[in-house]
């Protein structure tokens, strides 16, 4: 199983950035897809999750209203659109997959992880 995250970079505060994650998981629509992030010296934290069908989503309070998770089951990809970025959003962002939606805010719910992509927001 492979997950490949891309799209990170450097952006000014208030700006926008889009992340994408391509995966070899099949059948893709059977898997919950999540985004997590990890800042230096901090634990990995939940950002957003989307169900296999795409009908259910959940967001961390810190990103609600600014980030949008979506998926394309025809292309086996999941995206995270980030707007109104803040310096505290700076982190390595990881995509992850799981069969279970319940417990999807926990890193322990996800057996499959991508390699991470760096997002840096300057003030």
PDB file of N, CA and C in Angstrom:
ATOM      1  N   UNK A   1       0.860  -1.194   0.000  1.00  0.00           N
ATOM      2  CA  UNK A   1       0.000   0.000   0.000  1.00  0.00           C
ATOM      3  C   UNK A   1       0.891   1.237   0.000  1.00  0.00           C
ATOM      4  N   UNK A   2       0.577   2.155  -0.904  1.00  0.00           N
ATOM      5  CA  UNK A   2       1.347   3.386  -0.988  1.00  0.00           C
ATOM      6  C   UNK A   2       0.425   4.592  -0.951  1.00  0.00           C
ATOM      7  N   UNK A   3       0.816   5.592  -0.185  1.00  0.00           N
ATOM      8  CA  UNK A   3       0.151   6.877  -0.175  1.00  0.00           C
ATOM      9  C   UNK A   3       1.211   7.935  -0.443  1.00  0.00           C
ATOM     10  N   UNK A   4       0.928   8.817  -1.365  1.00  0.00           N
ATOM     11  CA  UNK A   4       1.900   9.840  -1.757  1.00  0.00           C
ATOM     12  C   UNK A   4       1.254  11.206  -1.642  1.00  0.00           C
ATOM     13  N   UNK A   5       1.714  11.970  -0.642  1.00  0.00           N
ATOM     14  CA  UNK A   5       1.205  13.327  -0.450  1.00  0.00           C
ATOM     15  C   UNK A   5       2.060  14.317  -1.217  1.00  0.00           C
ATOM     16  N   UNK A   6       1.419  15.352  -1.725  1.00  0.00           N
ATOM     17  CA  UNK A   6       2.137  16.384  -2.470  1.00  0.00           C
ATOM     18  C   UNK A   6       1.419  17.716  -2.312  1.00  0.00           C
ATOM     19  N   UNK A   7       2.094  18.790  -2.719  1.00  0.00           N
ATOM     20  CA  UNK A   7       1.466  20.097  -2.746  1.00  0.00           C
ATOM     21  C   UNK A   7       1.897  21.042  -1.656  1.00  0.00           C
ATOM     22  N   UNK A   8       2.744  20.591  -0.749  1.00  0.00           N
ATOM     23  CA  UNK A   8       3.202  21.481   0.305  1.00  0.00           C
ATOM     24  C   UNK A   8       4.087  22.584  -0.243  1.00  0.00           C
ATOM     25  N   UNK A   9       4.382  23.552   0.622  1.00  0.00           N
ATOM     26  CA  UNK A   9       5.249  24.638   0.213  1.00  0.00           C
ATOM     27  C   UNK A   9       5.233  25.765   1.217  1.00  0.00           C
ATOM     28  N   UNK A  10       5.739  26.893   0.769  1.00  0.00           N
ATOM     29  CA  UNK A  10       5.815  28.095   1.611  1.00  0.00           C
ATOM     30  C   UNK A  10       4.762  29.085   1.156  1.00  0.00           C
ATOM     31  N   UNK A  11       4.001  29.614   2.094  1.00  0.00           N
ATOM     32  CA  UNK A  11       2.943  30.562   1.777  1.00  0.00           C
ATOM     33  C   UNK A  11       2.877  31.607   2.882  1.00  0.00           C
ATOM     34  N   UNK A  12       2.448  32.796   2.531  1.00  0.00           N
ATOM     35  CA  UNK A  12       2.294  33.843   3.532  1.00  0.00           C
ATOM     36  C   UNK A  12       0.997  33.659   4.310  1.00  0.00           C
ATOM     37  N   UNK A  13       0.987  34.165   5.520  1.00  0.00           N
ATOM     38  CA  UNK A  13      -0.222  34.114   6.336  1.00  0.00           C
ATOM     39  C   UNK A  13      -1.386  34.747   5.579  1.00  0.00           C
ATOM     40  N   UNK A  14      -2.525  34.101   5.668  1.00  0.00           N
ATOM     41  CA  UNK A  14      -3.691  34.566   4.938  1.00  0.00           C
ATOM     42  C   UNK A  14      -3.843  33.955   3.565  1.00  0.00           C
ATOM     43  N   UNK A  15      -2.808  33.268   3.123  1.00  0.00           N
ATOM     44  CA  UNK A  15      -2.827  32.661   1.808  1.00  0.00           C
ATOM     45  C   UNK A  15      -3.483  31.293   1.796  1.00  0.00           C
ATOM     46  N   UNK A  16      -3.437  30.660   0.618  1.00  0.00           N
ATOM     47  CA  UNK A  16      -4.070  29.359   0.418  1.00  0.00           C
ATOM     48  C   UNK A  16      -3.089  28.365  -0.171  1.00  0.00           C
ATOM     49  N   UNK A  17      -3.367  27.107   0.093  1.00  0.00           N
ATOM     50  CA  UNK A  17      -2.528  26.039  -0.439  1.00  0.00           C
ATOM     51  C   UNK A  17      -3.368  24.779  -0.536  1.00  0.00           C
ATOM     52  N   UNK A  18      -3.124  23.981  -1.556  1.00  0.00           N
ATOM     53  CA  UNK A  18      -3.844  22.734  -1.712  1.00  0.00           C
ATOM     54  C   UNK A  18      -2.915  21.545  -1.642  1.00  0.00           C
ATOM     55  N   UNK A  19      -3.307  20.535  -0.885  1.00  0.00           N
ATOM     56  CA  UNK A  19      -2.549  19.300  -0.789  1.00  0.00           C
ATOM     57  C   UNK A  19      -3.320  18.200  -1.499  1.00  0.00           C
ATOM     58  N   UNK A  20      -2.584  17.235  -2.006  1.00  0.00           N
ATOM     59  CA  UNK A  20      -3.200  16.088  -2.642  1.00  0.00           C
ATOM     60  C   UNK A  20      -2.508  14.821  -2.174  1.00  0.00           C
ATOM     61  N   UNK A  21      -3.255  13.730  -2.167  1.00  0.00           N
ATOM     62  CA  UNK A  21      -2.704  12.445  -1.769  1.00  0.00           C
ATOM     63  C   UNK A  21      -3.202  11.391  -2.746  1.00  0.00           C
ATOM     64  N   UNK A  22      -2.280  10.740  -3.403  1.00  0.00           N
ATOM     65  CA  UNK A  22      -2.609   9.644  -4.305  1.00  0.00           C
ATOM     66  C   UNK A  22      -2.299   8.331  -3.607  1.00  0.00           C
ATOM     67  N   UNK A  23      -3.121   7.331  -3.857  1.00  0.00           N
ATOM     68  CA  UNK A  23      -2.931   6.079  -3.140  1.00  0.00           C
ATOM     69  C   UNK A  23      -3.144   4.877  -4.039  1.00  0.00           C
ATOM     70  N   UNK A  24      -2.479   3.799  -3.669  1.00  0.00           N
ATOM     71  CA  UNK A  24      -2.637   2.550  -4.397  1.00  0.00           C
ATOM     72  C   UNK A  24      -3.699   1.653  -3.757  1.00  0.00           C
ATOM     73  N   UNK A  25      -4.313   2.146  -2.686  1.00  0.00           N
ATOM     74  CA  UNK A  25      -5.309   1.341  -1.969  1.00  0.00           C
ATOM     75  C   UNK A  25      -6.506   1.040  -2.865  1.00  0.00           C
ATOM     76  N   UNK A  26      -6.959  -0.218  -2.844  1.00  0.00           N
ATOM     77  CA  UNK A  26      -8.139  -0.616  -3.607  1.00  0.00           C
ATOM     78  C   UNK A  26      -8.974  -1.581  -2.780  1.00  0.00           C
ATOM     79  N   UNK A  27     -10.298  -1.512  -2.807  1.00  0.00           N
ATOM     80  CA  UNK A  27     -11.033  -0.479  -3.517  1.00  0.00           C
ATOM     81  C   UNK A  27     -11.001   0.831  -2.730  1.00  0.00           C
ATOM     82  N   UNK A  28     -10.627   1.886  -3.379  1.00  0.00           N
ATOM     83  CA  UNK A  28     -10.390   3.173  -2.710  1.00  0.00           C
ATOM     84  C   UNK A  28     -11.630   3.665  -1.971  1.00  0.00           C
ATOM     85  N   UNK A  29     -12.790   3.463  -2.548  1.00  0.00           N
ATOM     86  CA  UNK A  29     -14.030   3.961  -1.946  1.00  0.00           C
ATOM     87  C   UNK A  29     -14.389   3.246  -0.658  1.00  0.00           C
ATOM     88  N   UNK A  30     -13.705   2.162  -0.326  1.00  0.00           N
ATOM     89  CA  UNK A  30     -13.952   1.442   0.926  1.00  0.00           C
ATOM     90  C   UNK A  30     -13.130   1.990   2.077  1.00  0.00           C
ATOM     91  N   UNK A  31     -12.264   2.951   1.790  1.00  0.00           N
ATOM     92  CA  UNK A  31     -11.335   3.445   2.800  1.00  0.00           C
ATOM     93  C   UNK A  31     -11.621   4.882   3.196  1.00  0.00           C
ATOM     94  N   UNK A  32     -11.607   5.098   4.492  1.00  0.00           N
ATOM     95  CA  UNK A  32     -11.630   6.434   5.069  1.00  0.00           C
ATOM     96  C   UNK A  32     -10.270   7.071   4.825  1.00  0.00           C
ATOM     97  N   UNK A  33     -10.264   8.335   4.493  1.00  0.00           N
ATOM     98  CA  UNK A  33      -9.009   9.052   4.270  1.00  0.00           C
ATOM     99  C   UNK A  33      -8.901  10.223   5.236  1.00  0.00           C
ATOM    100  N   UNK A  34      -7.775  10.310   5.887  1.00  0.00           N
ATOM    101  CA  UNK A  34      -7.574  11.384   6.855  1.00  0.00           C
ATOM    102  C   UNK A  34      -6.330  12.195   6.563  1.00  0.00           C
ATOM    103  N   UNK A  35      -6.329  13.409   7.076  1.00  0.00           N
ATOM    104  CA  UNK A  35      -5.142  14.270   7.052  1.00  0.00           C
ATOM    105  C   UNK A  35      -4.760  14.567   8.500  1.00  0.00           C
ATOM    106  N   UNK A  36      -3.495  14.460   8.764  1.00  0.00           N
ATOM    107  CA  UNK A  36      -2.927  14.786  10.066  1.00  0.00           C
ATOM    108  C   UNK A  36      -1.752  15.728   9.837  1.00  0.00           C
ATOM    109  N   UNK A  37      -1.306  16.356  10.906  1.00  0.00           N
ATOM    110  CA  UNK A  37      -0.123  17.203  10.799  1.00  0.00           C
ATOM    111  C   UNK A  37       0.714  17.092  12.057  1.00  0.00           C
ATOM    112  N   UNK A  38       1.991  17.387  11.876  1.00  0.00           N
ATOM    113  CA  UNK A  38       2.917  17.331  13.000  1.00  0.00           C
ATOM    114  C   UNK A  38       3.896  18.489  12.908  1.00  0.00           C
ATOM    115  N   UNK A  39       3.833  19.342  13.917  1.00  0.00           N
ATOM    116  CA  UNK A  39       4.759  20.469  14.010  1.00  0.00           C
ATOM    117  C   UNK A  39       5.983  20.030  14.819  1.00  0.00           C
ATOM    118  N   UNK A  40       7.104  20.710  14.658  1.00  0.00           N
ATOM    119  CA  UNK A  40       8.318  20.334  15.388  1.00  0.00           C
ATOM    120  C   UNK A  40       8.087  20.315  16.889  1.00  0.00           C
ATOM    121  N   UNK A  41       8.479  19.233  17.532  1.00  0.00           N
ATOM    122  CA  UNK A  41       8.354  19.114  18.974  1.00  0.00           C
ATOM    123  C   UNK A  41       6.956  18.799  19.471  1.00  0.00           C
ATOM    124  N   UNK A  42       6.027  18.587  18.545  1.00  0.00           N
ATOM    125  CA  UNK A  42       4.650  18.303  18.946  1.00  0.00           C
ATOM    126  C   UNK A  42       4.212  16.939  18.440  1.00  0.00           C
ATOM    127  N   UNK A  43       3.144  16.432  19.022  1.00  0.00           N
ATOM    128  CA  UNK A  43       2.596  15.173  18.574  1.00  0.00           C
ATOM    129  C   UNK A  43       1.812  15.364  17.274  1.00  0.00           C
ATOM    130  N   UNK A  44       1.691  14.272  16.557  1.00  0.00           N
ATOM    131  CA  UNK A  44       0.890  14.310  15.342  1.00  0.00           C
ATOM    132  C   UNK A  44      -0.574  14.524  15.731  1.00  0.00           C
ATOM    133  N   UNK A  45      -1.245  15.437  15.010  1.00  0.00           N
ATOM    134  CA  UNK A  45      -2.618  15.758  15.367  1.00  0.00           C
ATOM    135  C   UNK A  45      -3.563  15.647  14.184  1.00  0.00           C
ATOM    136  N   UNK A  46      -4.794  15.342  14.505  1.00  0.00           N
ATOM    137  CA  UNK A  46      -5.849  15.214  13.511  1.00  0.00           C
ATOM    138  C   UNK A  46      -6.162  16.557  12.868  1.00  0.00           C
ATOM    139  N   UNK A  47      -6.401  16.529  11.556  1.00  0.00           N
ATOM    140  CA  UNK A  47      -6.802  17.732  10.824  1.00  0.00           C
ATOM    141  C   UNK A  47      -8.197  17.547  10.231  1.00  0.00           C
ATOM    142  N   UNK A  48      -8.365  16.500   9.427  1.00  0.00           N
ATOM    143  CA  UNK A  48      -9.643  16.294   8.755  1.00  0.00           C
ATOM    144  C   UNK A  48      -9.753  14.845   8.304  1.00  0.00           C
ATOM    145  N   UNK A  49     -10.986  14.408   8.092  1.00  0.00           N
ATOM    146  CA  UNK A  49     -11.235  13.051   7.618  1.00  0.00           C
ATOM    147  C   UNK A  49     -12.456  13.058   6.705  1.00  0.00           C
ATOM    148  N   UNK A  50     -12.463  12.128   5.772  1.00  0.00           N
ATOM    149  CA  UNK A  50     -13.595  11.982   4.869  1.00  0.00           C
ATOM    150  C   UNK A  50     -13.918  10.504   4.734  1.00  0.00           C
ATOM    151  N   UNK A  51     -15.195  10.183   4.736  1.00  0.00           N
ATOM    152  CA  UNK A  51     -15.613   8.795   4.622  1.00  0.00           C
ATOM    153  C   UNK A  51     -15.367   8.277   3.208  1.00  0.00           C
ATOM    154  N   UNK A  52     -15.525   6.986   3.041  1.00  0.00           N
ATOM    155  CA  UNK A  52     -15.279   6.375   1.752  1.00  0.00           C
ATOM    156  C   UNK A  52     -16.165   6.914   0.643  1.00  0.00           C
ATOM    157  N   UNK A  53     -17.419   7.186   0.982  1.00  0.00           N
ATOM    158  CA  UNK A  53     -18.364   7.722   0.006  1.00  0.00           C
ATOM    159  C   UNK A  53     -18.157   9.207  -0.237  1.00  0.00           C
ATOM    160  N   UNK A  54     -17.529   9.861   0.727  1.00  0.00           N
ATOM    161  CA  UNK A  54     -17.351  11.308   0.650  1.00  0.00           C
ATOM    162  C   UNK A  54     -18.474  12.090   1.304  1.00  0.00           C
ATOM    163  N   UNK A  55     -19.478  11.398   1.797  1.00  0.00           N
ATOM    164  CA  UNK A  55     -20.637  12.094   2.364  1.00  0.00           C
ATOM    165  C   UNK A  55     -20.397  12.586   3.788  1.00  0.00           C
ATOM    166  N   UNK A  56     -19.484  11.952   4.494  1.00  0.00           N
ATOM    167  CA  UNK A  56     -19.191  12.366   5.864  1.00  0.00           C
ATOM    168  C   UNK A  56     -17.806  12.980   5.947  1.00  0.00           C
ATOM    169  N   UNK A  57     -17.725  14.104   6.634  1.00  0.00           N
ATOM    170  CA  UNK A  57     -16.446  14.740   6.883  1.00  0.00           C
ATOM    171  C   UNK A  57     -16.395  15.220   8.327  1.00  0.00           C
ATOM    172  N   UNK A  58     -15.194  15.402   8.803  1.00  0.00           N
ATOM    173  CA  UNK A  58     -15.001  15.901  10.164  1.00  0.00           C
ATOM    174  C   UNK A  58     -13.718  16.715  10.173  1.00  0.00           C
ATOM    175  N   UNK A  59     -13.701  17.772  10.970  1.00  0.00           N
ATOM    176  CA  UNK A  59     -12.552  18.657  11.005  1.00  0.00           C
ATOM    177  C   UNK A  59     -12.153  18.964  12.443  1.00  0.00           C
ATOM    178  N   UNK A  60     -10.880  19.169  12.644  1.00  0.00           N
ATOM    179  CA  UNK A  60     -10.415  19.698  13.914  1.00  0.00           C
ATOM    180  C   UNK A  60     -10.956  21.118  14.071  1.00  0.00           C
ATOM    181  N   UNK A  61     -11.249  21.503  15.297  1.00  0.00           N
ATOM    182  CA  UNK A  61     -11.790  22.842  15.532  1.00  0.00           C
ATOM    183  C   UNK A  61     -10.849  23.928  15.011  1.00  0.00           C
ATOM    184  N   UNK A  62      -9.569  23.673  15.079  1.00  0.00           N
ATOM    185  CA  UNK A  62      -8.577  24.681  14.691  1.00  0.00           C
ATOM    186  C   UNK A  62      -8.587  24.983  13.196  1.00  0.00           C
ATOM    187  N   UNK A  63      -9.162  24.103  12.390  1.00  0.00           N
ATOM    188  CA  UNK A  63      -9.158  24.321  10.937  1.00  0.00           C
ATOM    189  C   UNK A  63     -10.558  24.435  10.356  1.00  0.00           C
ATOM    190  N   UNK A  64     -11.564  24.214  11.170  1.00  0.00           N
ATOM    191  CA  UNK A  64     -12.943  24.234  10.679  1.00  0.00           C
ATOM    192  C   UNK A  64     -13.261  25.603  10.075  1.00  0.00           C
ATOM    193  N   UNK A  65     -13.860  25.583   8.913  1.00  0.00           N
ATOM    194  CA  UNK A  65     -14.191  26.817   8.229  1.00  0.00           C
ATOM    195  C   UNK A  65     -13.066  27.352   7.356  1.00  0.00           C
ATOM    196  N   UNK A  66     -11.867  26.814   7.499  1.00  0.00           N
ATOM    197  CA  UNK A  66     -10.725  27.254   6.681  1.00  0.00           C
ATOM    198  C   UNK A  66     -10.219  26.156   5.754  1.00  0.00           C
ATOM    199  N   UNK A  67     -10.316  24.917   6.183  1.00  0.00           N
ATOM    200  CA  UNK A  67      -9.829  23.785   5.389  1.00  0.00           C
ATOM    201  C   UNK A  67     -11.023  22.985   4.861  1.00  0.00           C
ATOM    202  N   UNK A  68     -10.834  22.399   3.689  1.00  0.00           N
ATOM    203  CA  UNK A  68     -11.864  21.549   3.100  1.00  0.00           C
ATOM    204  C   UNK A  68     -11.227  20.271   2.582  1.00  0.00           C
ATOM    205  N   UNK A  69     -11.751  19.140   3.029  1.00  0.00           N
ATOM    206  CA  UNK A  69     -11.272  17.852   2.549  1.00  0.00           C
ATOM    207  C   UNK A  69     -12.237  17.339   1.481  1.00  0.00           C
ATOM    208  N   UNK A  70     -11.697  16.719   0.456  1.00  0.00           N
ATOM    209  CA  UNK A  70     -12.527  16.157  -0.601  1.00  0.00           C
ATOM    210  C   UNK A  70     -11.807  14.938  -1.175  1.00  0.00           C
ATOM    211  N   UNK A  71     -12.550  14.144  -1.931  1.00  0.00           N
ATOM    212  CA  UNK A  71     -11.936  12.973  -2.542  1.00  0.00           C
ATOM    213  C   UNK A  71     -12.522  12.745  -3.923  1.00  0.00           C
ATOM    214  N   UNK A  72     -11.741  12.109  -4.758  1.00  0.00           N
ATOM    215  CA  UNK A  72     -12.172  11.723  -6.098  1.00  0.00           C
ATOM    216  C   UNK A  72     -11.979  10.215  -6.193  1.00  0.00           C
ATOM    217  N   UNK A  73     -13.053   9.478  -6.046  1.00  0.00           N
ATOM    218  CA  UNK A  73     -12.940   8.019  -6.038  1.00  0.00           C
ATOM    219  C   UNK A  73     -12.628   7.447  -7.421  1.00  0.00           C
ATOM    220  N   UNK A  74     -12.826   8.242  -8.436  1.00  0.00           N
ATOM    221  CA  UNK A  74     -12.456   7.802  -9.775  1.00  0.00           C
ATOM    222  C   UNK A  74     -10.954   7.901 -10.019  1.00  0.00           C
ATOM    223  N   UNK A  75     -10.314   8.833  -9.311  1.00  0.00           N
ATOM    224  CA  UNK A  75      -8.875   9.039  -9.482  1.00  0.00           C
ATOM    225  C   UNK A  75      -8.074   8.534  -8.286  1.00  0.00           C
ATOM    226  N   UNK A  76      -8.769   7.995  -7.275  1.00  0.00           N
ATOM    227  CA  UNK A  76      -8.101   7.457  -6.081  1.00  0.00           C
ATOM    228  C   UNK A  76      -7.241   8.505  -5.387  1.00  0.00           C
ATOM    229  N   UNK A  77      -7.797   9.683  -5.240  1.00  0.00           N
ATOM    230  CA  UNK A  77      -7.061  10.763  -4.604  1.00  0.00           C
ATOM    231  C   UNK A  77      -7.931  11.449  -3.544  1.00  0.00           C
ATOM    232  N   UNK A  78      -7.272  12.052  -2.596  1.00  0.00           N
ATOM    233  CA  UNK A  78      -7.922  12.880  -1.594  1.00  0.00           C
ATOM    234  C   UNK A  78      -7.181  14.206  -1.545  1.00  0.00           C
ATOM    235  N   UNK A  79      -7.910  15.275  -1.338  1.00  0.00           N
ATOM    236  CA  UNK A  79      -7.320  16.606  -1.343  1.00  0.00           C
ATOM    237  C   UNK A  79      -7.643  17.332  -0.046  1.00  0.00           C
ATOM    238  N   UNK A  80      -6.804  18.285   0.278  1.00  0.00           N
ATOM    239  CA  UNK A  80      -7.048  19.175   1.411  1.00  0.00           C
ATOM    240  C   UNK A  80      -6.796  20.600   0.924  1.00  0.00           C
ATOM    241  N   UNK A  81      -7.850  21.357   0.808  1.00  0.00           N
ATOM    242  CA  UNK A  81      -7.731  22.757   0.407  1.00  0.00           C
ATOM    243  C   UNK A  81      -7.662  23.601   1.668  1.00  0.00           C
ATOM    244  N   UNK A  82      -6.605  24.386   1.774  1.00  0.00           N
ATOM    245  CA  UNK A  82      -6.363  25.174   2.976  1.00  0.00           C
ATOM    246  C   UNK A  82      -6.411  26.655   2.631  1.00  0.00           C
ATOM    247  N   UNK A  83      -7.225  27.399   3.322  1.00  0.00           N
ATOM    248  CA  UNK A  83      -7.336  28.835   3.103  1.00  0.00           C
ATOM    249  C   UNK A  83      -7.106  29.575   4.421  1.00  0.00           C
ATOM    250  N   UNK A  84      -6.941  30.872   4.324  1.00  0.00           N
ATOM    251  CA  UNK A  84      -6.718  31.711   5.516  1.00  0.00           C
ATOM    252  C   UNK A  84      -5.655  31.095   6.421  1.00  0.00           C
ATOM    253  N   UNK A  85      -4.566  30.701   5.822  1.00  0.00           N
ATOM    254  CA  UNK A  85      -3.527  30.001   6.569  1.00  0.00           C
ATOM    255  C   UNK A  85      -2.876  30.895   7.612  1.00  0.00           C
ATOM    256  N   UNK A  86      -2.511  30.264   8.714  1.00  0.00           N
ATOM    257  CA  UNK A  86      -1.895  30.952   9.840  1.00  0.00           C
ATOM    258  C   UNK A  86      -0.519  30.343  10.104  1.00  0.00           C
ATOM    259  N   UNK A  87       0.371  31.100  10.728  1.00  0.00           N
ATOM    260  CA  UNK A  87       1.687  30.532  11.054  1.00  0.00           C
ATOM    261  C   UNK A  87       1.589  29.251  11.872  1.00  0.00           C
ATOM    262  N   UNK A  88       0.572  29.135  12.695  1.00  0.00           N
ATOM    263  CA  UNK A  88       0.415  27.926  13.510  1.00  0.00           C
ATOM    264  C   UNK A  88      -0.032  26.717  12.702  1.00  0.00           C
ATOM    265  N   UNK A  89      -0.344  26.894  11.433  1.00  0.00           N
ATOM    266  CA  UNK A  89      -0.635  25.770  10.551  1.00  0.00           C
ATOM    267  C   UNK A  89       0.645  25.128  10.016  1.00  0.00           C
ATOM    268  N   UNK A  90       1.774  25.745  10.288  1.00  0.00           N
ATOM    269  CA  UNK A  90       3.048  25.205   9.833  1.00  0.00           C
ATOM    270  C   UNK A  90       3.300  23.828  10.439  1.00  0.00           C
ATOM    271  N   UNK A  91       3.540  22.850   9.573  1.00  0.00           N
ATOM    272  CA  UNK A  91       3.729  21.471  10.018  1.00  0.00           C
ATOM    273  C   UNK A  91       4.013  20.594   8.807  1.00  0.00           C
ATOM    274  N   UNK A  92       4.384  19.363   9.089  1.00  0.00           N
ATOM    275  CA  UNK A  92       4.398  18.347   8.048  1.00  0.00           C
ATOM    276  C   UNK A  92       3.008  17.722   8.028  1.00  0.00           C
ATOM    277  N   UNK A  93       2.417  17.676   6.849  1.00  0.00           N
ATOM    278  CA  UNK A  93       1.067  17.152   6.703  1.00  0.00           C
ATOM    279  C   UNK A  93       1.127  15.744   6.113  1.00  0.00           C
ATOM    280  N   UNK A  94       0.364  14.848   6.735  1.00  0.00           N
ATOM    281  CA  UNK A  94       0.348  13.449   6.338  1.00  0.00           C
ATOM    282  C   UNK A  94      -1.062  13.027   5.928  1.00  0.00           C
ATOM    283  N   UNK A  95      -1.162  12.226   4.883  1.00  0.00           N
ATOM    284  CA  UNK A  95      -2.425  11.571   4.589  1.00  0.00           C
ATOM    285  C   UNK A  95      -2.359  10.141   5.113  1.00  0.00           C
ATOM    286  N   UNK A  96      -3.505   9.624   5.469  1.00  0.00           N
ATOM    287  CA  UNK A  96      -3.572   8.296   6.053  1.00  0.00           C
ATOM    288  C   UNK A  96      -4.882   7.639   5.655  1.00  0.00           C
ATOM    289  N   UNK A  97      -4.913   6.314   5.724  1.00  0.00           N
ATOM    290  CA  UNK A  97      -6.135   5.616   5.337  1.00  0.00           C
ATOM    291  C   UNK A  97      -6.467   4.505   6.320  1.00  0.00           C
ATOM    292  N   UNK A  98      -7.745   4.237   6.390  1.00  0.00           N
ATOM    293  CA  UNK A  98      -8.256   3.240   7.326  1.00  0.00           C
ATOM    294  C   UNK A  98      -9.573   2.697   6.807  1.00  0.00           C
ATOM    295  N   UNK A  99      -9.936   1.520   7.290  1.00  0.00           N
ATOM    296  CA  UNK A  99     -11.250   0.958   6.958  1.00  0.00           C
ATOM    297  C   UNK A  99     -12.341   1.535   7.849  1.00  0.00           C
ATOM    298  N   UNK A 100     -11.959   2.151   8.964  1.00  0.00           N
ATOM    299  CA  UNK A 100     -12.932   2.556   9.970  1.00  0.00           C
ATOM    300  C   UNK A 100     -13.094   4.061  10.037  1.00  0.00           C
ATOM    301  N   UNK A 101     -14.339   4.530  10.054  1.00  0.00           N
ATOM    302  CA  UNK A 101     -14.620   5.946  10.260  1.00  0.00           C
ATOM    303  C   UNK A 101     -14.699   6.254  11.745  1.00  0.00           C
ATOM    304  N   UNK A 102     -15.248   5.315  12.512  1.00  0.00           N
ATOM    305  CA  UNK A 102     -15.320   5.502  13.953  1.00  0.00           C
ATOM    306  C   UNK A 102     -13.897   5.537  14.509  1.00  0.00           C
ATOM    307  N   UNK A 103     -13.629   6.528  15.327  1.00  0.00           N
ATOM    308  CA  UNK A 103     -12.287   6.682  15.864  1.00  0.00           C
ATOM    309  C   UNK A 103     -11.315   7.344  14.914  1.00  0.00           C
ATOM    310  N   UNK A 104     -11.831   7.987  13.882  1.00  0.00           N
ATOM    311  CA  UNK A 104     -10.959   8.501  12.827  1.00  0.00           C
ATOM    312  C   UNK A 104     -10.175   9.736  13.213  1.00  0.00           C
ATOM    313  N   UNK A 105     -10.392  10.280  14.404  1.00  0.00           N
ATOM    314  CA  UNK A 105      -9.564  11.391  14.871  1.00  0.00           C
ATOM    315  C   UNK A 105      -8.272  10.894  15.515  1.00  0.00           C
ATOM    316  N   UNK A 106      -8.160   9.621  15.718  1.00  0.00           N
ATOM    317  CA  UNK A 106      -6.990   9.062  16.398  1.00  0.00           C
ATOM    318  C   UNK A 106      -5.975   8.518  15.395  1.00  0.00           C
ATOM    319  N   UNK A 107      -4.709   8.817  15.620  1.00  0.00           N
ATOM    320  CA  UNK A 107      -3.657   8.287  14.749  1.00  0.00           C
ATOM    321  C   UNK A 107      -3.652   6.760  14.784  1.00  0.00           C
ATOM    322  N   UNK A 108      -4.077   6.192  15.889  1.00  0.00           N
ATOM    323  CA  UNK A 108      -4.052   4.739  16.029  1.00  0.00           C
ATOM    324  C   UNK A 108      -5.077   4.040  15.149  1.00  0.00           C
ATOM    325  N   UNK A 109      -5.988   4.816  14.566  1.00  0.00           N
ATOM    326  CA  UNK A 109      -7.014   4.243  13.704  1.00  0.00           C
ATOM    327  C   UNK A 109      -6.489   3.916  12.312  1.00  0.00           C
ATOM    328  N   UNK A 110      -5.296   4.409  11.989  1.00  0.00           N
ATOM    329  CA  UNK A 110      -4.821   4.376  10.615  1.00  0.00           C
ATOM    330  C   UNK A 110      -3.590   3.463  10.454  1.00  0.00           C
ATOM    331  N   UNK A 111      -3.739   2.376   9.737  1.00  0.00           N
ATOM    332  CA  UNK A 111      -2.591   1.501   9.492  1.00  0.00           C
ATOM    333  C   UNK A 111      -1.700   1.953   8.338  1.00  0.00           C
ATOM    334  N   UNK A 112      -2.227   2.833   7.488  1.00  0.00           N
ATOM    335  CA  UNK A 112      -1.472   3.230   6.302  1.00  0.00           C
ATOM    336  C   UNK A 112      -1.235   4.732   6.296  1.00  0.00           C
ATOM    337  N   UNK A 113       0.021   5.111   6.039  1.00  0.00           N
ATOM    338  CA  UNK A 113       0.423   6.512   6.083  1.00  0.00           C
ATOM    339  C   UNK A 113       1.278   6.864   4.874  1.00  0.00           C
ATOM    340  N   UNK A 114       1.130   8.117   4.446  1.00  0.00           N
ATOM    341  CA  UNK A 114       2.013   8.656   3.431  1.00  0.00           C
ATOM    342  C   UNK A 114       3.260   9.227   4.081  1.00  0.00           C
ATOM    343  N   UNK A 115       4.145   9.756   3.272  1.00  0.00           N
ATOM    344  CA  UNK A 115       5.449  10.197   3.765  1.00  0.00           C
ATOM    345  C   UNK A 115       5.437  11.616   4.310  1.00  0.00           C
ATOM    346  N   UNK A 116       4.398  12.380   4.072  1.00  0.00           N
ATOM    347  CA  UNK A 116       4.320  13.735   4.593  1.00  0.00           C
ATOM    348  C   UNK A 116       4.812  14.781   3.609  1.00  0.00           C
ATOM    349  N   UNK A 117       4.225  15.958   3.705  1.00  0.00           N
ATOM    350  CA  UNK A 117       4.634  17.092   2.880  1.00  0.00           C
ATOM    351  C   UNK A 117       4.664  18.334   3.765  1.00  0.00           C
ATOM    352  N   UNK A 118       5.706  19.133   3.615  1.00  0.00           N
ATOM    353  CA  UNK A 118       5.916  20.280   4.498  1.00  0.00           C
ATOM    354  C   UNK A 118       5.069  21.469   4.057  1.00  0.00           C
ATOM    355  N   UNK A 119       4.380  22.060   5.021  1.00  0.00           N
ATOM    356  CA  UNK A 119       3.657  23.307   4.808  1.00  0.00           C
ATOM    357  C   UNK A 119       4.230  24.335   5.777  1.00  0.00           C
ATOM    358  N   UNK A 120       4.680  25.444   5.226  1.00  0.00           N
ATOM    359  CA  UNK A 120       5.253  26.502   6.048  1.00  0.00           C
ATOM    360  C   UNK A 120       4.500  27.799   5.772  1.00  0.00           C
ATOM    361  N   UNK A 121       3.978  28.400   6.826  1.00  0.00           N
ATOM    362  CA  UNK A 121       3.229  29.641   6.707  1.00  0.00           C
ATOM    363  C   UNK A 121       4.021  30.743   7.395  1.00  0.00           C
ATOM    364  N   UNK A 122       4.416  31.725   6.620  1.00  0.00           N
ATOM    365  CA  UNK A 122       5.207  32.817   7.179  1.00  0.00           C
ATOM    366  C   UNK A 122       4.303  33.950   7.627  1.00  0.00           C
ATOM    367  N   UNK A 123       4.731  34.641   8.659  1.00  0.00           N
ATOM    368  CA  UNK A 123       3.917  35.742   9.209  1.00  0.00           C
ATOM    369  C   UNK A 123       4.265  37.058   8.551  1.00  0.00           C
TER     370      UNK A 123
END
